[in-house]
Amino acid sequence: MFKSSVTEIGASAISKKDPLIILFGEEATEELRKVSVIHTVQTEANQVDLNQAQTVSFDDQVYTIEEVGTLANKNFNSIGHVTLNFSEVPDEKDHRIENAIYLAPHELPVLKVGTKISIS
């Protein structure tokens, strides 16, 4: 199981208009921090293989991965970055975000500094 903790939430990181959250590790630049949720890995094995049917939890809010973009695993494992998308998976592959995981239910979670993120 992968675990991390939210350490910072950028001023423009969460918008009710856009059902997505940009997640980044501590290496994020100052510009990225403004629009991202920053997290720190808390498990020794920080490599994860994101795949469909896994669950992602934000404290007690549980989501199921519906789709994993082609770049999501590489980016998440190298720099802690993935786009969490809470909208329907587009039918056409060329309309999907390559570094995203699509999650259900299709509503943004409530996040705060200290929120625990787990993937299992």
Protein backbone atom coordinates (compact mmCIF):
# COMPACT_ATOMS: atom_id res chain seq x y z
CA MET A 1 0.00 0.00 0.00
CA PHE A 2 1.20 3.48 -0.89
CA LYS A 3 0.73 6.28 1.66
CA SER A 4 1.48 9.97 1.59
CA SER A 5 0.36 13.10 3.37
CA VAL A 6 -0.74 16.49 2.02
CA THR A 7 1.78 19.12 3.13
CA GLU A 8 0.64 22.12 1.10
CA ILE A 9 -2.32 23.25 -0.99
CA GLY A 10 -1.66 25.98 -3.54
CA ALA A 11 -3.90 29.04 -3.63
CA SER A 12 -5.24 28.02 -7.06
CA ALA A 13 -4.99 24.25 -6.61
CA ILE A 14 -8.69 23.45 -6.20
CA SER A 15 -11.45 24.86 -8.35
CA LYS A 16 -15.11 23.90 -8.31
CA LYS A 17 -15.17 24.56 -12.08
CA ASP A 18 -12.45 22.04 -12.95
CA PRO A 19 -12.91 18.54 -11.48
CA LEU A 20 -9.20 17.84 -11.16
CA ILE A 21 -6.34 18.13 -8.71
CA ILE A 22 -2.67 18.32 -9.71
CA LEU A 23 -0.65 16.28 -7.21
CA PHE A 24 3.09 16.87 -6.91
CA GLY A 25 5.91 15.74 -4.65
CA GLU A 26 8.04 18.10 -2.58
CA GLU A 27 10.32 18.82 -5.57
CA ALA A 28 7.68 21.02 -7.23
CA THR A 29 8.78 24.52 -8.23
CA GLU A 30 7.25 27.63 -6.66
CA GLU A 31 5.11 28.19 -9.78
CA LEU A 32 3.77 24.62 -9.68
CA ARG A 33 3.05 24.90 -5.95
CA LYS A 34 0.52 27.68 -6.66
CA VAL A 35 -1.70 25.31 -8.66
CA SER A 36 -0.88 21.98 -7.01
CA VAL A 37 -1.46 19.88 -3.94
CA ILE A 38 1.94 18.92 -2.54
CA HIS A 39 2.38 15.57 -0.80
CA THR A 40 5.15 13.72 1.04
CA VAL A 41 5.52 9.95 0.65
CA GLN A 42 5.26 8.06 3.95
CA THR A 43 5.96 4.51 2.83
CA GLU A 44 9.37 2.96 2.28
CA ALA A 45 8.43 1.46 -1.07
CA ASN A 46 7.45 4.66 -2.84
CA GLN A 47 6.99 2.89 -6.19
CA VAL A 48 3.40 2.16 -7.06
CA ASP A 49 1.74 0.52 -10.05
CA LEU A 50 -1.44 2.52 -10.59
CA ASN A 51 -4.12 0.41 -12.26
CA GLN A 52 -7.86 0.17 -12.73
CA ALA A 53 -9.96 -1.01 -9.80
CA GLN A 54 -7.43 0.17 -7.19
CA THR A 55 -8.76 2.55 -4.61
CA VAL A 56 -7.41 5.97 -3.71
CA SER A 57 -8.40 7.29 -0.30
CA PHE A 58 -8.20 10.83 0.99
CA ASP A 59 -8.63 10.27 4.73
CA ASP A 60 -12.00 8.44 4.78
CA GLN A 61 -13.10 9.48 1.26
CA VAL A 62 -12.65 6.47 -1.04
CA TYR A 63 -12.41 6.61 -4.85
CA THR A 64 -11.91 3.90 -7.48
CA ILE A 65 -9.47 4.30 -10.37
CA GLU A 66 -11.40 4.00 -13.64
CA GLU A 67 -8.55 4.75 -16.06
CA VAL A 68 -4.78 5.31 -15.88
CA GLY A 69 -3.07 7.58 -18.42
CA THR A 70 -0.03 6.29 -20.28
CA LEU A 71 2.37 8.63 -18.40
CA ALA A 72 0.75 8.44 -14.96
CA ASN A 73 2.88 5.66 -13.45
CA LYS A 74 6.18 7.03 -14.75
CA ASN A 75 5.50 10.58 -13.51
CA PHE A 76 4.04 9.49 -10.19
CA ASN A 77 6.97 7.21 -9.39
CA SER A 78 9.66 9.67 -10.49
CA ILE A 79 8.43 13.05 -9.22
CA GLY A 80 5.26 12.28 -7.25
CA HIS A 81 3.13 13.88 -9.95
CA VAL A 82 -0.23 12.78 -11.26
CA THR A 83 -3.38 14.63 -12.23
CA LEU A 84 -6.38 13.36 -10.29
CA ASN A 85 -9.35 13.71 -12.62
CA PHE A 86 -12.84 13.43 -11.16
CA SER A 87 -14.76 13.58 -14.44
CA GLU A 88 -16.01 10.84 -16.76
CA VAL A 89 -13.32 9.07 -18.78
CA PRO A 90 -13.51 10.50 -22.33
CA ASP A 91 -14.59 7.95 -24.92
CA GLU A 92 -11.84 8.94 -27.33
CA LYS A 93 -8.31 8.15 -26.18
CA ASP A 94 -6.87 11.32 -27.71
CA HIS A 95 -9.07 13.39 -25.37
CA ARG A 96 -7.67 11.75 -22.23
CA ILE A 97 -5.00 13.39 -20.08
CA GLU A 98 -1.89 11.20 -20.38
CA ASN A 99 -0.58 11.90 -16.87
CA ALA A 100 -3.97 11.48 -15.19
CA ILE A 101 -5.86 8.89 -13.28
CA TYR A 102 -9.63 9.11 -13.61
CA LEU A 103 -11.47 8.53 -10.34
CA ALA A 104 -15.03 7.76 -9.29
CA PRO A 105 -17.19 9.06 -7.74
CA HIS A 106 -17.00 12.13 -9.95
CA GLU A 107 -16.74 14.75 -7.22
CA LEU A 108 -13.76 16.48 -5.66
CA PRO A 109 -12.64 15.23 -2.26
CA VAL A 110 -12.27 17.57 0.70
CA LEU A 111 -8.55 18.12 1.24
CA LYS A 112 -6.59 19.92 3.93
CA VAL A 113 -2.98 20.02 5.04
CA GLY A 114 -2.49 16.71 6.84
CA THR A 115 -4.93 14.72 4.69
CA LYS A 116 -3.64 11.15 4.32
CA ILE A 117 -3.60 9.73 0.80
CA SER A 118 -3.46 5.97 0.35
CA ILE A 119 -3.53 3.77 -2.73
CA SER A 120 -4.37 0.08 -2.45
